[in-house]
Protein backbone atom coordinates (compact mmCIF):
# COMPACT_ATOMS: atom_id res chain seq x y z
CA MET A 1 -81.09 -23.22 65.66
CA ALA A 2 -78.28 -23.38 68.22
CA ARG A 3 -77.41 -20.37 70.34
CA MET A 4 -73.84 -19.07 70.59
CA GLY A 5 -72.44 -19.04 74.12
CA LYS A 6 -70.32 -16.35 75.71
CA VAL A 7 -66.55 -16.75 75.40
CA ASP A 8 -64.02 -14.95 77.61
CA PHE A 9 -60.79 -14.46 75.68
CA ARG A 10 -58.94 -12.68 78.51
CA GLN A 11 -57.07 -15.84 79.57
CA LEU A 12 -56.08 -16.58 75.98
CA GLU A 13 -54.84 -13.01 75.51
CA GLU A 14 -52.94 -13.23 78.82
CA PHE A 15 -51.37 -16.51 77.72
CA THR A 16 -50.39 -15.02 74.34
CA LYS A 17 -48.78 -12.05 76.05
CA LYS A 18 -46.83 -14.32 78.41
CA VAL A 19 -45.58 -16.48 75.54
CA GLU A 20 -44.46 -13.41 73.59
CA GLU A 21 -42.63 -12.07 76.65
CA ASN A 22 -40.79 -15.34 77.21
CA LEU A 23 -40.40 -16.58 73.66
CA GLY A 24 -40.40 -13.42 71.52
CA ASP A 25 -37.62 -12.77 69.00
CA ASP A 26 -35.47 -10.79 71.45
CA GLN A 27 -35.95 -13.34 74.22
CA MET A 28 -35.22 -16.28 71.91
CA ASP A 29 -32.03 -14.59 70.70
CA LEU A 30 -30.89 -14.13 74.31
CA PHE A 31 -31.88 -17.71 75.12
CA ILE A 32 -29.91 -19.13 72.18
CA LYS A 33 -26.84 -17.06 73.11
CA ALA A 34 -27.11 -18.28 76.72
CA CYS A 35 -27.27 -21.88 75.42
CA ALA A 36 -24.19 -21.30 73.26
CA LYS A 37 -22.29 -19.87 76.23
CA GLU A 38 -23.29 -22.78 78.45
CA LEU A 39 -22.05 -25.28 75.87
CA ALA A 40 -18.81 -23.29 75.49
CA ALA A 41 -18.30 -23.30 79.28
CA ARG A 42 -18.84 -27.06 79.41
CA LEU A 43 -16.39 -27.52 76.53
CA LEU A 44 -13.74 -25.38 78.21
CA THR A 45 -14.15 -27.24 81.50
CA LYS A 46 -13.56 -30.55 79.74
CA VAL A 47 -10.67 -29.36 77.58
CA ILE A 48 -8.86 -27.69 80.49
CA ARG A 49 -9.10 -30.87 82.55
CA ARG A 50 -7.78 -32.89 79.61
CA THR A 51 -4.86 -30.53 78.80
CA PRO A 52 -1.50 -31.88 80.02
CA VAL A 53 0.74 -29.85 82.32
CA GLY A 54 4.52 -29.82 81.77
CA ASP A 55 6.69 -31.31 84.51
CA TYR A 56 10.04 -29.57 84.82
CA SER A 57 10.96 -30.93 88.26
CA LYS A 58 13.71 -33.22 86.89
CA ALA A 59 15.22 -30.62 84.55
CA VAL A 60 18.58 -29.36 85.76
CA GLY A 61 18.92 -25.59 86.13
CA VAL A 62 15.44 -24.86 84.85
CA ASP A 63 13.18 -22.61 86.89
CA LYS A 64 9.94 -23.31 85.03
CA VAL A 65 6.46 -24.13 86.19
CA GLY A 66 4.06 -26.07 83.96
CA GLY A 67 0.50 -25.09 83.13
CA THR A 68 1.01 -22.44 80.44
CA LEU A 69 -0.96 -24.46 77.89
CA ARG A 70 -3.76 -25.08 80.37
CA ARG A 71 -3.96 -21.39 81.34
CA GLY A 72 -4.01 -20.49 77.64
CA TRP A 73 -7.59 -21.71 77.25
CA THR A 74 -8.86 -18.75 79.28
CA GLY A 75 -6.65 -16.25 77.50
CA GLU A 76 -3.91 -16.42 80.16
CA GLN A 77 -6.32 -14.73 82.58
CA GLN A 78 -6.66 -15.93 86.15
CA GLN A 79 -10.42 -16.34 86.19
CA ASP A 80 -12.91 -19.17 86.29
CA VAL A 81 -14.35 -20.65 83.12
CA ALA A 82 -17.89 -19.29 83.62
CA SER A 83 -16.80 -15.65 83.89
CA TYR A 84 -14.38 -16.05 80.97
CA VAL A 85 -17.11 -17.50 78.74
CA GLN A 86 -19.46 -14.62 79.64
CA SER A 87 -16.84 -12.23 78.23
CA LEU A 88 -16.80 -14.04 74.85
CA ASN A 89 -18.86 -12.81 71.91
CA VAL A 90 -21.49 -14.99 70.30
CA GLU A 91 -21.47 -14.39 66.54
CA GLN A 92 -24.64 -14.92 64.55
CA THR A 93 -24.47 -15.72 60.85
CA GLY A 94 -27.90 -16.53 59.47
CA ASP A 95 -29.32 -19.14 61.83
CA MET A 96 -25.86 -20.23 63.05
CA TYR A 97 -24.50 -19.05 66.41
CA THR A 98 -20.78 -19.50 67.06
CA ILE A 99 -18.29 -18.84 69.84
CA GLU A 100 -14.63 -19.03 68.98
CA ILE A 101 -12.46 -20.81 71.54
CA VAL A 102 -8.75 -20.33 70.96
CA ASN A 103 -5.61 -21.28 72.83
CA PRO A 104 -3.02 -18.63 71.89
CA VAL A 105 -0.04 -20.64 73.20
CA GLU A 106 2.26 -21.15 70.23
CA TYR A 107 2.71 -24.91 70.68
CA ALA A 108 -0.96 -25.74 71.37
CA SER A 109 -1.55 -27.28 67.94
CA TYR A 110 1.52 -29.53 68.31
CA VAL A 111 0.23 -30.91 71.60
CA GLU A 112 -3.28 -31.28 70.15
CA PHE A 113 -2.38 -33.09 66.92
CA GLY A 114 1.14 -34.44 67.53
CA HIS A 115 4.47 -33.48 66.00
CA ARG A 116 7.75 -34.72 64.59
CA GLN A 117 11.06 -34.41 66.37
CA THR A 118 14.67 -35.39 65.79
CA PRO A 119 15.67 -38.49 67.79
CA GLY A 120 18.97 -38.10 69.68
CA ARG A 121 18.68 -34.32 70.05
CA PHE A 122 19.34 -33.11 73.61
CA VAL A 123 16.66 -30.80 75.06
CA PRO A 124 17.97 -28.81 78.05
CA ALA A 125 14.45 -27.83 79.21
CA ILE A 126 13.68 -31.45 80.06
CA GLY A 127 17.27 -32.61 80.58
CA LYS A 128 16.92 -35.57 78.19
CA ARG A 129 17.62 -36.75 74.67
CA LEU A 130 14.67 -37.27 72.35
CA LYS A 131 13.92 -40.92 71.58
CA GLU A 132 10.92 -41.01 69.25
CA SER A 133 10.56 -39.38 65.83
CA TRP A 134 6.81 -38.82 66.32
CA VAL A 135 4.97 -37.64 69.40
CA GLU A 136 1.27 -38.55 69.43
CA GLY A 137 -1.21 -35.75 69.95
CA LYS A 138 -3.36 -35.49 73.06
CA PHE A 139 -6.50 -34.41 71.11
CA MET A 140 -7.78 -32.56 74.17
CA LEU A 141 -9.99 -30.18 72.16
CA THR A 142 -11.03 -32.74 69.55
CA ILE A 143 -12.21 -35.31 72.10
CA SER A 144 -13.86 -32.70 74.35
CA SER A 145 -15.76 -31.10 71.46
CA GLN A 146 -17.03 -34.52 70.34
CA GLU A 147 -18.25 -35.25 73.88
CA ILE A 148 -20.06 -31.90 74.01
CA GLN A 149 -21.60 -32.51 70.58
CA ASP A 150 -22.94 -35.84 71.81
CA ALA A 151 -24.31 -34.34 75.03
CA ALA A 152 -25.66 -31.09 73.50
CA PRO A 153 -29.15 -32.33 72.50
CA GLY A 154 -29.91 -33.45 76.06
CA ILE A 155 -28.50 -30.27 77.62
CA LEU A 156 -30.42 -28.03 75.22
CA GLU A 157 -33.64 -29.99 75.65
CA LYS A 158 -33.53 -29.50 79.42
CA LYS A 159 -32.87 -25.76 79.05
CA LEU A 160 -35.72 -25.44 76.55
CA GLN A 161 -38.12 -27.32 78.82
CA ARG A 162 -37.24 -24.95 81.67
CA LYS A 163 -37.79 -21.95 79.38
CA LEU A 164 -41.14 -23.30 78.19
CA GLY A 165 -42.09 -24.03 81.80
CA GLU A 166 -41.59 -20.32 82.57
CA ALA A 167 -43.87 -19.37 79.68
CA PHE A 168 -46.66 -21.76 80.72
CA LYS A 169 -46.78 -20.84 84.42
């Protein structure tokens, strides 16, 4: 009959404790929220870069500076994207985590999706008459969100590997 050897479970218990510390429910919730905020920051960086800025230099008698739409992505606040995203709330509904990104500028949707206009109408703000009946949208948020969706699996995989690396040290 075979004899049973001695087994030291201290390392296994230590490993279990380390995994629970790094990957427990509370830690996973924080990790997922951090991932959501990182993706939101990347999205905002792309969408801000893609957002057009109005040029009023040729308009006669107009003392305007462009960039209102671009500044609108960070809630009209003069701060960098990373600190703005940290101030946003991550909502959890079931197993879905969401961050709402809004541009409160009233004409944002018209620039995003396009709009109709009346040809021949004079617009003093730009000092010109309108020529086209339809202005194509810039799709700055649509295109940027698609790019982030395509890149998200790779970004999240790298973050998860780093997190697992911490647990297995």
